[in-house]
Each structure stands twice: as structure tokens, then as C-alpha cells.
Amino acid sequence: MEKYQPKTPVAEVSDRLMRAAVAIGAGVAWFVLLWGLCLPALTAGFALGVMLWLCARQFSRQITQKREKQMRRMIGGELAVNRLLLEPPRKAAFQCALWLAPRYPLVMQKAVDWGVIGLLDGKKTCIRLIARHASQTITAQQVVECAREALERQMEQTLLCLTAPADAQALAYAGTLDPPMRIIEREELMMLAGFAHPATDEDLRNIGRQKRTRRSAQEWLAVALNASRARRYFWYGLGLSALALLTGSGYYLVPAVLCLGLFTACKLRQAVKEHRRWTG
């Protein structure tokens, strides 16, 4: 849940100052280009910049409301999927069937110990669930076992829900099966669960309370180089570089190079993690 932690106060203030500086800088630059560097140009540019900042702020509020709704679904979906790990197999599979109902028009007939049986597009279908922690990987052997059970019970097709990522071999094997097996991966399952169980205010407060003090240098480095911060580093670096070009001052280049360096480090760290995930 660390990716859902709110921004730090320093990050929030710096974001607001950066947006205001960019808007005012754009307004001042426009009138300086039209009238030259004079007091009326600076005054009119400042007024235009404030107006642009207010318009952007109003637009940002609307975007924030939309993102909050999406974030509640993401958080609620992840919490709901994680709760499946502690549920009995029959109840957990039935819950997955309810989440899949809006997207897959399954007519449920009965719930059994290993899943749910129903009709999908007129074909006898079973819904199975492999419940493992997200840190684990679903293997091809587990998919083989589910396919064997589906054949033994004479199923025409299978919807296999996963609470953990599947390796490439498992996904490739599922695509070659006859009868077909449709994989509902963790991300899709979380999205479907989020529509039914968006996060409540109490859930958000609990996540906020889970935030702990980071003490080691390694923990601080992991936070500073988190992939979610890369975009912010890039725009900070770009904005400071633009200020250096407009003002002709080299003082802005130092923080600009630092921000762009952090952006590059975030991307490299993310690429290394992806490489280890696929090769490890």
C-alpha cells in the first residue's frame, strides 16, 4: 500500500509553488516579448500569470475529484483482493464470480468447494481462483492442475482468477489449452473488485496511519527513486532549465541537472526491477 501514501507536506508545497511560478513566468514572458522589459509588461504579465494559475487551479480541482474516484476504486479493489487470501476457497471463488458478472455475462448455477459453475455464452463454464500473496508468482504447473480438474468435470471453458502475477510460461500455456482458459490477472481482478468495493474514508485513514518513519539511508533512497516521482523530477528539471535560458543565470542549472539526474535514476531503477522480475 506504500504507493497509495499521500504526498509529504514539502512535496505538496513545492508542487503548488512550481505551478504558480510556471504560470506567472509564462505570463511575464508573453508581455515581455510584446512590449519589452518594462514595468507595464511585468505588471500585466504578473496579472495574466495569476489568472492562468487560477484557471489551472479550478481545472485541477475537477481532475482531482475524478482521480480521487479512480484512486478509491484502485485502493478498494486491492484491499478486496487481498482479503480473498483469508477466505475459504468456496466463498472466495463465489466473490470473484460476483465481481466478474458486470463484464462476463455468466449465469451462475451452483457454488462448489473448488469454484463456481455456470453458463457463459451457452457453454458450461467454471470460475476458479488461485489465491496467493502478491509477492509470489503463479506457475505453469498450477495452471496445469486447474486445467486437469476442468477436463475431469467436463467444463467447456474456464475463467481462472489470480491474486498474484503469473509468469510468462503460465500465460503462454493457458493460451494453448482446449477447452480454452481465460486468465483474469490480478490487475483486472482488482479493477473489477474496485467497482463493487471502492475504498471508504476509514480505509484511507487506516492507510495514512500505516505510514511509518523511514530511518535508514536505503529506505530514503527507495522513496526518492520511486517510479511515481520520475514525472515530477522531469518537469521540475525542464522548468528550471527554461528559467536558466530565460534569465541567462547559471544558478538554475544546478538544481535542473539534479532533477533530471533523479529522473534518469528513477527510470534506471525501474528498468532494473523489471529485468530482475522477468529473469529471476
C-alpha atoms as a PDB file:
ATOM      1  CA  MET A   1       0.000   0.000   0.000  1.00  0.00           C
ATOM      2  CA  GLU A   2       3.009   2.316   0.004  1.00  0.00           C
ATOM      3  CA  LYS A   3       2.157   3.561  -3.492  1.00  0.00           C
ATOM      4  CA  TYR A   4      -1.116   4.991  -2.104  1.00  0.00           C
ATOM      5  CA  GLN A   5       0.543   7.048   0.605  1.00  0.00           C
ATOM      6  CA  PRO A   6      -0.254  10.776   0.388  1.00  0.00           C
ATOM      7  CA  LYS A   7       2.373  13.298  -0.631  1.00  0.00           C
ATOM      8  CA  THR A   8       4.565  14.810   2.025  1.00  0.00           C
ATOM      9  CA  PRO A   9       3.875  18.458   3.004  1.00  0.00           C
ATOM     10  CA  VAL A  10       7.124  19.506   1.325  1.00  0.00           C
ATOM     11  CA  ALA A  11       6.076  17.835  -1.933  1.00  0.00           C
ATOM     12  CA  GLU A  12       2.639  19.464  -1.853  1.00  0.00           C
ATOM     13  CA  VAL A  13       4.047  22.955  -1.225  1.00  0.00           C
ATOM     14  CA  SER A  14       6.760  22.555  -3.875  1.00  0.00           C
ATOM     15  CA  ASP A  15       4.185  21.390  -6.439  1.00  0.00           C
ATOM     16  CA  ARG A  16       1.968  24.405  -5.773  1.00  0.00           C
ATOM     17  CA  LEU A  17       4.873  26.842  -5.939  1.00  0.00           C
ATOM     18  CA  MET A  18       6.103  25.266  -9.159  1.00  0.00           C
ATOM     19  CA  ARG A  19       2.687  25.562 -10.818  1.00  0.00           C
ATOM     20  CA  ALA A  20       2.351  29.197  -9.729  1.00  0.00           C
ATOM     21  CA  ALA A  21       5.878  30.017 -10.896  1.00  0.00           C
ATOM     22  CA  VAL A  22       5.305  28.436 -14.303  1.00  0.00           C
ATOM     23  CA  ALA A  23       2.003  30.307 -14.821  1.00  0.00           C
ATOM     24  CA  ILE A  24       3.431  33.675 -13.757  1.00  0.00           C
ATOM     25  CA  GLY A  25       6.621  33.075 -15.731  1.00  0.00           C
ATOM     26  CA  ALA A  26       4.600  32.316 -18.869  1.00  0.00           C
ATOM     27  CA  GLY A  27       2.506  35.478 -18.429  1.00  0.00           C
ATOM     28  CA  VAL A  28       5.520  37.703 -17.846  1.00  0.00           C
ATOM     29  CA  ALA A  29       7.416  36.158 -20.780  1.00  0.00           C
ATOM     30  CA  TRP A  30       4.481  36.806 -23.114  1.00  0.00           C
ATOM     31  CA  PHE A  31       4.224  40.532 -22.333  1.00  0.00           C
ATOM     32  CA  VAL A  32       7.993  40.993 -22.257  1.00  0.00           C
ATOM     33  CA  LEU A  33       8.118  39.600 -25.800  1.00  0.00           C
ATOM     34  CA  LEU A  34       5.351  42.012 -26.861  1.00  0.00           C
ATOM     35  CA  TRP A  35       6.394  45.202 -25.041  1.00  0.00           C
ATOM     36  CA  GLY A  36       9.970  44.611 -23.990  1.00  0.00           C
ATOM     37  CA  LEU A  37      11.358  44.555 -20.462  1.00  0.00           C
ATOM     38  CA  CYS A  38       9.478  47.351 -18.665  1.00  0.00           C
ATOM     39  CA  LEU A  39       7.291  47.838 -15.628  1.00  0.00           C
ATOM     40  CA  PRO A  40       3.926  47.700 -17.512  1.00  0.00           C
ATOM     41  CA  ALA A  41       4.986  44.418 -19.146  1.00  0.00           C
ATOM     42  CA  LEU A  42       5.937  42.923 -15.784  1.00  0.00           C
ATOM     43  CA  THR A  43       2.693  44.090 -14.154  1.00  0.00           C
ATOM     44  CA  ALA A  44       0.462  42.854 -16.980  1.00  0.00           C
ATOM     45  CA  GLY A  45       2.410  39.614 -17.175  1.00  0.00           C
ATOM     46  CA  PHE A  46       2.034  39.035 -13.459  1.00  0.00           C
ATOM     47  CA  ALA A  47      -1.733  39.640 -13.694  1.00  0.00           C
ATOM     48  CA  LEU A  48      -2.012  37.249 -16.639  1.00  0.00           C
ATOM     49  CA  GLY A  49       0.025  34.653 -14.783  1.00  0.00           C
ATOM     50  CA  VAL A  50      -2.238  34.868 -11.729  1.00  0.00           C
ATOM     51  CA  MET A  51      -5.303  34.487 -13.963  1.00  0.00           C
ATOM     52  CA  LEU A  52      -3.759  31.442 -15.657  1.00  0.00           C
ATOM     53  CA  TRP A  53      -2.889  29.967 -12.274  1.00  0.00           C
ATOM     54  CA  LEU A  54      -6.465  30.419 -11.006  1.00  0.00           C
ATOM     55  CA  CYS A  55      -7.872  28.793 -14.149  1.00  0.00           C
ATOM     56  CA  ALA A  56      -5.446  25.895 -13.805  1.00  0.00           C
ATOM     57  CA  ARG A  57      -6.353  25.556 -10.138  1.00  0.00           C
ATOM     58  CA  GLN A  58     -10.064  25.296 -10.955  1.00  0.00           C
ATOM     59  CA  PHE A  59      -9.370  22.730 -13.662  1.00  0.00           C
ATOM     60  CA  SER A  60      -7.100  20.837 -11.263  1.00  0.00           C
ATOM     61  CA  ARG A  61      -9.931  20.549  -8.738  1.00  0.00           C
ATOM     62  CA  GLN A  62     -12.131  18.815 -11.297  1.00  0.00           C
ATOM     63  CA  ILE A  63      -9.312  16.485 -12.279  1.00  0.00           C
ATOM     64  CA  THR A  64      -8.608  15.780  -8.612  1.00  0.00           C
ATOM     65  CA  GLN A  65     -12.197  14.712  -7.992  1.00  0.00           C
ATOM     66  CA  LYS A  66     -12.034  12.311 -10.933  1.00  0.00           C
ATOM     67  CA  ARG A  67      -8.686  10.926  -9.799  1.00  0.00           C
ATOM     68  CA  GLU A  68      -9.959  10.530  -6.246  1.00  0.00           C
ATOM     69  CA  LYS A  69     -12.802   8.368  -7.528  1.00  0.00           C
ATOM     70  CA  GLN A  70     -10.368   6.256  -9.537  1.00  0.00           C
ATOM     71  CA  MET A  71      -7.977   6.002  -6.601  1.00  0.00           C
ATOM     72  CA  ARG A  72     -10.744   4.855  -4.268  1.00  0.00           C
ATOM     73  CA  ARG A  73     -11.553   2.089  -6.729  1.00  0.00           C
ATOM     74  CA  MET A  74      -7.904   1.073  -7.005  1.00  0.00           C
ATOM     75  CA  ILE A  75      -7.374   1.008  -3.253  1.00  0.00           C
ATOM     76  CA  GLY A  76     -10.703  -0.686  -2.543  1.00  0.00           C
ATOM     77  CA  GLY A  77     -10.026  -3.269  -5.241  1.00  0.00           C
ATOM     78  CA  GLU A  78      -6.603  -4.121  -3.845  1.00  0.00           C
ATOM     79  CA  LEU A  79      -7.972  -4.405  -0.305  1.00  0.00           C
ATOM     80  CA  ALA A  80     -10.800  -6.654  -1.504  1.00  0.00           C
ATOM     81  CA  VAL A  81      -8.443  -8.919  -3.470  1.00  0.00           C
ATOM     82  CA  ASN A  82      -6.079  -9.182  -0.502  1.00  0.00           C
ATOM     83  CA  ARG A  83      -8.985 -10.241   1.713  1.00  0.00           C
ATOM     84  CA  LEU A  84      -9.602 -13.211  -0.578  1.00  0.00           C
ATOM     85  CA  LEU A  85      -6.421 -14.819   0.758  1.00  0.00           C
ATOM     86  CA  LEU A  86      -8.086 -15.332   4.150  1.00  0.00           C
ATOM     87  CA  GLU A  87     -11.453 -16.547   2.843  1.00  0.00           C
ATOM     88  CA  PRO A  88     -12.469 -20.211   2.372  1.00  0.00           C
ATOM     89  CA  PRO A  89     -11.915 -21.320  -1.263  1.00  0.00           C
ATOM     90  CA  ARG A  90     -15.634 -21.685  -1.987  1.00  0.00           C
ATOM     91  CA  LYS A  91     -16.534 -18.240  -0.645  1.00  0.00           C
ATOM     92  CA  ALA A  92     -13.550 -16.593  -2.343  1.00  0.00           C
ATOM     93  CA  ALA A  93     -14.411 -18.084  -5.756  1.00  0.00           C
ATOM     94  CA  PHE A  94     -18.049 -17.043  -5.377  1.00  0.00           C
ATOM     95  CA  GLN A  95     -16.938 -13.492  -4.566  1.00  0.00           C
ATOM     96  CA  CYS A  96     -14.816 -13.452  -7.741  1.00  0.00           C
ATOM     97  CA  ALA A  97     -17.841 -14.614  -9.747  1.00  0.00           C
ATOM     98  CA  LEU A  98     -19.836 -11.651  -8.418  1.00  0.00           C
ATOM     99  CA  TRP A  99     -17.064  -9.246  -9.434  1.00  0.00           C
ATOM    100  CA  LEU A 100     -16.864 -10.741 -12.930  1.00  0.00           C
ATOM    101  CA  ALA A 101     -20.625 -10.558 -13.507  1.00  0.00           C
ATOM    102  CA  PRO A 102     -20.710  -6.985 -14.967  1.00  0.00           C
ATOM    103  CA  ARG A 103     -18.072  -7.833 -17.592  1.00  0.00           C
ATOM    104  CA  TYR A 104     -18.719 -11.525 -18.231  1.00  0.00           C
ATOM    105  CA  PRO A 105     -22.454 -12.405 -18.555  1.00  0.00           C
ATOM    106  CA  LEU A 106     -22.174 -15.606 -16.537  1.00  0.00           C
ATOM    107  CA  VAL A 107     -25.339 -17.335 -15.381  1.00  0.00           C
ATOM    108  CA  MET A 108     -24.275 -18.906 -12.094  1.00  0.00           C
ATOM    109  CA  GLN A 109     -25.774 -22.317 -11.359  1.00  0.00           C
ATOM    110  CA  LYS A 110     -24.037 -23.534  -8.206  1.00  0.00           C
ATOM    111  CA  ALA A 111     -21.032 -22.976  -5.969  1.00  0.00           C
ATOM    112  CA  VAL A 112     -18.816 -25.961  -5.190  1.00  0.00           C
ATOM    113  CA  ASP A 113     -15.785 -26.401  -2.959  1.00  0.00           C
ATOM    114  CA  TRP A 114     -13.317 -25.598  -5.748  1.00  0.00           C
ATOM    115  CA  GLY A 115     -15.184 -22.782  -7.506  1.00  0.00           C
ATOM    116  CA  VAL A 116     -18.389 -21.739  -9.245  1.00  0.00           C
ATOM    117  CA  ILE A 117     -20.180 -23.470 -12.134  1.00  0.00           C
ATOM    118  CA  GLY A 118     -22.378 -21.606 -14.604  1.00  0.00           C
ATOM    119  CA  LEU A 119     -23.134 -20.852 -18.231  1.00  0.00           C
ATOM    120  CA  LEU A 120     -21.233 -18.281 -20.295  1.00  0.00           C
ATOM    121  CA  ASP A 121     -22.384 -17.777 -23.887  1.00  0.00           C
ATOM    122  CA  GLY A 122     -24.270 -21.039 -23.614  1.00  0.00           C
ATOM    123  CA  LYS A 123     -21.167 -23.029 -22.606  1.00  0.00           C
ATOM    124  CA  LYS A 124     -20.631 -24.833 -19.335  1.00  0.00           C
ATOM    125  CA  THR A 125     -18.073 -22.682 -17.518  1.00  0.00           C
ATOM    126  CA  CYS A 126     -16.259 -22.859 -14.210  1.00  0.00           C
ATOM    127  CA  ILE A 127     -14.710 -19.990 -12.277  1.00  0.00           C
ATOM    128  CA  ARG A 128     -11.569 -20.933 -10.403  1.00  0.00           C
ATOM    129  CA  LEU A 129      -9.356 -18.903  -8.101  1.00  0.00           C
ATOM    130  CA  ILE A 130      -5.672 -19.283  -7.321  1.00  0.00           C
ATOM    131  CA  ALA A 131      -5.177 -17.283  -4.136  1.00  0.00           C
ATOM    132  CA  ARG A 132      -1.542 -16.477  -3.446  1.00  0.00           C
ATOM    133  CA  HIS A 133       0.229 -13.478  -1.971  1.00  0.00           C
ATOM    134  CA  ALA A 134       1.178 -10.791  -4.478  1.00  0.00           C
ATOM    135  CA  SER A 135       4.872 -11.358  -3.743  1.00  0.00           C
ATOM    136  CA  GLN A 136       4.575 -14.909  -5.117  1.00  0.00           C
ATOM    137  CA  THR A 137       4.232 -15.989  -8.757  1.00  0.00           C
ATOM    138  CA  ILE A 138       1.610 -18.228 -10.332  1.00  0.00           C
ATOM    139  CA  THR A 139       3.407 -21.037 -12.152  1.00  0.00           C
ATOM    140  CA  ALA A 140       2.507 -23.069 -15.208  1.00  0.00           C
ATOM    141  CA  GLN A 141       2.099 -26.175 -13.035  1.00  0.00           C
ATOM    142  CA  GLN A 142      -0.725 -24.548 -11.101  1.00  0.00           C
ATOM    143  CA  VAL A 143      -2.460 -23.710 -14.367  1.00  0.00           C
ATOM    144  CA  VAL A 144      -1.999 -27.331 -15.460  1.00  0.00           C
ATOM    145  CA  GLU A 145      -3.717 -28.565 -12.292  1.00  0.00           C
ATOM    146  CA  CYS A 146      -6.691 -26.260 -12.867  1.00  0.00           C
ATOM    147  CA  ALA A 147      -6.954 -27.373 -16.493  1.00  0.00           C
ATOM    148  CA  ARG A 148      -6.885 -31.037 -15.441  1.00  0.00           C
ATOM    149  CA  GLU A 149      -9.753 -30.506 -12.996  1.00  0.00           C
ATOM    150  CA  ALA A 150     -11.759 -28.669 -15.662  1.00  0.00           C
ATOM    151  CA  LEU A 151     -11.359 -31.620 -18.038  1.00  0.00           C
ATOM    152  CA  GLU A 152     -12.311 -34.130 -15.357  1.00  0.00           C
ATOM    153  CA  ARG A 153     -15.518 -32.184 -14.659  1.00  0.00           C
ATOM    154  CA  GLN A 154     -16.237 -31.780 -18.384  1.00  0.00           C
ATOM    155  CA  MET A 155     -16.105 -27.996 -18.429  1.00  0.00           C
ATOM    156  CA  GLU A 156     -16.268 -26.306 -21.838  1.00  0.00           C
ATOM    157  CA  GLN A 157     -14.297 -23.271 -20.695  1.00  0.00           C
ATOM    158  CA  THR A 158     -12.659 -21.849 -17.569  1.00  0.00           C
ATOM    159  CA  LEU A 159     -12.265 -18.396 -16.054  1.00  0.00           C
ATOM    160  CA  LEU A 160      -9.162 -18.518 -13.862  1.00  0.00           C
ATOM    161  CA  CYS A 161      -8.802 -15.613 -11.399  1.00  0.00           C
ATOM    162  CA  LEU A 162      -5.370 -14.807  -9.969  1.00  0.00           C
ATOM    163  CA  THR A 163      -4.468 -12.780  -6.887  1.00  0.00           C
ATOM    164  CA  ALA A 164      -0.761 -12.798  -7.810  1.00  0.00           C
ATOM    165  CA  PRO A 165       1.157 -12.189 -11.056  1.00  0.00           C
ATOM    166  CA  ALA A 166       1.575 -15.147 -13.398  1.00  0.00           C
ATOM    167  CA  ASP A 167       4.868 -15.955 -15.088  1.00  0.00           C
ATOM    168  CA  ALA A 168       5.215 -15.958 -18.867  1.00  0.00           C
ATOM    169  CA  GLN A 169       5.125 -19.762 -19.132  1.00  0.00           C
ATOM    170  CA  ALA A 170       1.805 -19.939 -17.270  1.00  0.00           C
ATOM    171  CA  LEU A 171       0.179 -17.340 -19.528  1.00  0.00           C
ATOM    172  CA  ALA A 172       1.540 -18.986 -22.652  1.00  0.00           C
ATOM    173  CA  TYR A 173       0.302 -22.413 -21.585  1.00  0.00           C
ATOM    174  CA  ALA A 174      -3.192 -21.091 -20.790  1.00  0.00           C
ATOM    175  CA  GLY A 175      -3.415 -19.682 -24.309  1.00  0.00           C
ATOM    176  CA  THR A 176      -2.818 -23.117 -25.890  1.00  0.00           C
ATOM    177  CA  LEU A 177      -5.457 -25.048 -23.935  1.00  0.00           C
ATOM    178  CA  ASP A 178      -8.530 -26.700 -25.405  1.00  0.00           C
ATOM    179  CA  PRO A 179     -11.078 -26.153 -23.927  1.00  0.00           C
ATOM    180  CA  PRO A 180      -9.964 -22.532 -23.619  1.00  0.00           C
ATOM    181  CA  MET A 181      -8.909 -20.988 -20.333  1.00  0.00           C
ATOM    182  CA  ARG A 182      -9.322 -17.251 -19.838  1.00  0.00           C
ATOM    183  CA  ILE A 183      -6.913 -15.713 -17.319  1.00  0.00           C
ATOM    184  CA  ILE A 184      -8.211 -12.884 -15.110  1.00  0.00           C
ATOM    185  CA  GLU A 185      -4.960 -11.387 -13.866  1.00  0.00           C
ATOM    186  CA  ARG A 186      -4.525  -9.573 -10.578  1.00  0.00           C
ATOM    187  CA  GLU A 187      -4.776  -6.060 -12.032  1.00  0.00           C
ATOM    188  CA  GLU A 188      -8.013  -6.800 -13.860  1.00  0.00           C
ATOM    189  CA  LEU A 189      -9.456  -8.533 -10.811  1.00  0.00           C
ATOM    190  CA  MET A 190      -8.580  -5.514  -8.653  1.00  0.00           C
ATOM    191  CA  MET A 191     -10.257  -3.173 -11.141  1.00  0.00           C
ATOM    192  CA  LEU A 192     -13.459  -5.232 -11.170  1.00  0.00           C
ATOM    193  CA  ALA A 193     -13.441  -5.514  -7.371  1.00  0.00           C
ATOM    194  CA  GLY A 194     -12.938  -1.756  -7.055  1.00  0.00           C
ATOM    195  CA  PHE A 195     -16.203  -1.006  -8.845  1.00  0.00           C
ATOM    196  CA  ALA A 196     -18.037  -3.099  -6.256  1.00  0.00           C
ATOM    197  CA  HIS A 197     -15.967  -2.093  -3.215  1.00  0.00           C
ATOM    198  CA  PRO A 198     -14.444   1.407  -3.511  1.00  0.00           C
ATOM    199  CA  ALA A 199     -12.330   2.422  -0.552  1.00  0.00           C
ATOM    200  CA  THR A 200     -14.138   4.166   2.294  1.00  0.00           C
ATOM    201  CA  ASP A 201     -12.863   7.110   4.324  1.00  0.00           C
ATOM    202  CA  GLU A 202     -11.973   4.678   7.104  1.00  0.00           C
ATOM    203  CA  ASP A 203      -9.827   2.659   4.685  1.00  0.00           C
ATOM    204  CA  LEU A 204      -7.978   5.811   3.644  1.00  0.00           C
ATOM    205  CA  ARG A 205      -7.407   6.794   7.271  1.00  0.00           C
ATOM    206  CA  ASN A 206      -6.021   3.335   8.040  1.00  0.00           C
ATOM    207  CA  ILE A 207      -3.596   3.610   5.133  1.00  0.00           C
ATOM    208  CA  GLY A 208      -2.487   7.028   6.389  1.00  0.00           C
ATOM    209  CA  ARG A 209      -1.823   5.611   9.848  1.00  0.00           C
ATOM    210  CA  GLN A 210       0.351   2.888   8.354  1.00  0.00           C
ATOM    211  CA  LYS A 211       2.883   5.475   7.241  1.00  0.00           C
ATOM    212  CA  ARG A 212       6.000   4.927   9.338  1.00  0.00           C
ATOM    213  CA  THR A 213       9.155   6.916   9.896  1.00  0.00           C
ATOM    214  CA  ARG A 214      11.962   5.987   7.495  1.00  0.00           C
ATOM    215  CA  ARG A 215      15.309   5.888   9.217  1.00  0.00           C
ATOM    216  CA  SER A 216      17.833   4.045   7.066  1.00  0.00           C
ATOM    217  CA  ALA A 217      19.517   5.579   4.025  1.00  0.00           C
ATOM    218  CA  GLN A 218      18.308   2.674   1.905  1.00  0.00           C
ATOM    219  CA  GLU A 219      14.675   3.403   2.777  1.00  0.00           C
ATOM    220  CA  TRP A 220      15.068   7.087   1.967  1.00  0.00           C
ATOM    221  CA  LEU A 221      16.757   6.184  -1.337  1.00  0.00           C
ATOM    222  CA  ALA A 222      13.881   3.826  -2.231  1.00  0.00           C
ATOM    223  CA  VAL A 223      11.411   6.651  -1.609  1.00  0.00           C
ATOM    224  CA  ALA A 224      13.445   9.248  -3.533  1.00  0.00           C
ATOM    225  CA  LEU A 225      13.849   6.951  -6.552  1.00  0.00           C
ATOM    226  CA  ASN A 226      10.296   5.650  -6.593  1.00  0.00           C
ATOM    227  CA  ALA A 227       8.988   5.371 -10.157  1.00  0.00           C
ATOM    228  CA  SER A 228       5.960   7.527  -9.310  1.00  0.00           C
ATOM    229  CA  ARG A 229       8.272  10.521  -8.715  1.00  0.00           C
ATOM    230  CA  ALA A 230      10.011  10.356 -12.104  1.00  0.00           C
ATOM    231  CA  ARG A 231       7.488  12.536 -13.906  1.00  0.00           C
ATOM    232  CA  ARG A 232       7.700  15.226 -11.238  1.00  0.00           C
ATOM    233  CA  TYR A 233      11.508  15.265 -11.404  1.00  0.00           C
ATOM    234  CA  PHE A 234      11.353  15.621 -15.191  1.00  0.00           C
ATOM    235  CA  TRP A 235       9.040  18.643 -15.162  1.00  0.00           C
ATOM    236  CA  TYR A 236      10.984  20.318 -12.344  1.00  0.00           C
ATOM    237  CA  GLY A 237      14.196  19.879 -14.313  1.00  0.00           C
ATOM    238  CA  LEU A 238      12.584  21.142 -17.515  1.00  0.00           C
ATOM    239  CA  GLY A 239      11.118  24.191 -15.752  1.00  0.00           C
ATOM    240  CA  LEU A 240      14.399  25.118 -14.094  1.00  0.00           C
ATOM    241  CA  SER A 241      16.249  24.692 -17.389  1.00  0.00           C
ATOM    242  CA  ALA A 242      13.771  27.060 -19.029  1.00  0.00           C
ATOM    243  CA  LEU A 243      14.363  29.622 -16.271  1.00  0.00           C
ATOM    244  CA  ALA A 244      18.100  29.334 -16.838  1.00  0.00           C
ATOM    245  CA  LEU A 245      17.632  30.053 -20.546  1.00  0.00           C
ATOM    246  CA  LEU A 246      15.239  32.960 -19.961  1.00  0.00           C
ATOM    247  CA  THR A 247      17.287  34.671 -17.255  1.00  0.00           C
ATOM    248  CA  GLY A 248      20.740  33.741 -18.504  1.00  0.00           C
ATOM    249  CA  SER A 249      21.690  32.757 -14.962  1.00  0.00           C
ATOM    250  CA  GLY A 250      23.651  29.563 -14.379  1.00  0.00           C
ATOM    251  CA  TYR A 251      22.342  29.144 -10.827  1.00  0.00           C
ATOM    252  CA  TYR A 252      19.214  27.404 -12.117  1.00  0.00           C
ATOM    253  CA  LEU A 253      21.266  24.817 -13.969  1.00  0.00           C
ATOM    254  CA  VAL A 254      22.469  23.090 -10.790  1.00  0.00           C
ATOM    255  CA  PRO A 255      19.005  22.104  -9.478  1.00  0.00           C
ATOM    256  CA  ALA A 256      17.890  21.424 -13.060  1.00  0.00           C
ATOM    257  CA  VAL A 257      20.691  18.919 -13.601  1.00  0.00           C
ATOM    258  CA  LEU A 258      19.958  17.394 -10.185  1.00  0.00           C
ATOM    259  CA  CYS A 259      16.250  16.913 -11.001  1.00  0.00           C
ATOM    260  CA  LEU A 260      16.974  15.453 -14.430  1.00  0.00           C
ATOM    261  CA  GLY A 261      19.571  13.165 -12.853  1.00  0.00           C
ATOM    262  CA  LEU A 262      16.999  11.927 -10.346  1.00  0.00           C
ATOM    263  CA  PHE A 263      14.571  11.360 -13.227  1.00  0.00           C
ATOM    264  CA  THR A 264      17.168   9.228 -15.020  1.00  0.00           C
ATOM    265  CA  ALA A 265      17.953   7.304 -11.824  1.00  0.00           C
ATOM    266  CA  CYS A 266      14.242   6.533 -11.294  1.00  0.00           C
ATOM    267  CA  LYS A 267      13.930   5.165 -14.813  1.00  0.00           C
ATOM    268  CA  LEU A 268      17.094   3.077 -14.483  1.00  0.00           C
ATOM    269  CA  ARG A 269      15.955   1.655 -11.147  1.00  0.00           C
ATOM    270  CA  GLN A 270      12.563   0.760 -12.629  1.00  0.00           C
ATOM    271  CA  ALA A 271      14.220  -0.915 -15.639  1.00  0.00           C
ATOM    272  CA  VAL A 272      16.483  -2.967 -13.367  1.00  0.00           C
ATOM    273  CA  LYS A 273      13.499  -4.108 -11.276  1.00  0.00           C
ATOM    274  CA  GLU A 274      11.602  -5.156 -14.410  1.00  0.00           C
ATOM    275  CA  HIS A 275      14.637  -7.044 -15.697  1.00  0.00           C
ATOM    276  CA  ARG A 276      15.053  -8.907 -12.414  1.00  0.00           C
ATOM    277  CA  ARG A 277      11.356  -9.725 -12.344  1.00  0.00           C
ATOM    278  CA  TRP A 278      11.402 -11.368 -15.764  1.00  0.00           C
ATOM    279  CA  THR A 279      14.760 -13.113 -15.377  1.00  0.00           C
ATOM    280  CA  GLY A 280      14.501 -14.062 -11.688  1.00  0.00           C
END
